[in-house]
């Protein structure tokens, strides 16, 4: 069987010690914001764009760059890269980032999505999260404050 692959970017966003998650309508599971990296789009830009599109929150990625140089431009190192089976014969190469809202953010989310929210560690412990999402949530909260 031939396997097709797409590159995706996912961002775990933390604000005031809470993690941004939404209940994915099609998959019926709790996920962070993320999606496909578009043709000619940088992974960093896709990670920021997906959060804005899915939540209305403008974010900055946190993390390190390999070198302190202006040229060539250094991108943020993903916190992880994983291969996800989406369906038989199709996979996503997912670049995982950590982020936080831009300075001055006041907690506003898209109003038309009641399944989107900021969840505290106590709330996260009671949510039905996959093993993978729970591990990433624990990792981002362990790294916070950034």
Foldseek 3Di string as FASTA:
>chain_A
DAAAEFEKEFEFEDDPQWTKWFQDPVVRAIGGFMDTQDVPHDNQVRHQVRNCVQWVFGKHFDADWPDPDVPPDTDHQAPDWDWADPDVRYIYGYGYTYIYGDPPDDQDTDPVGPRIHTGHPVRVVPDDHDPVVVVVSVVNSVVPPD
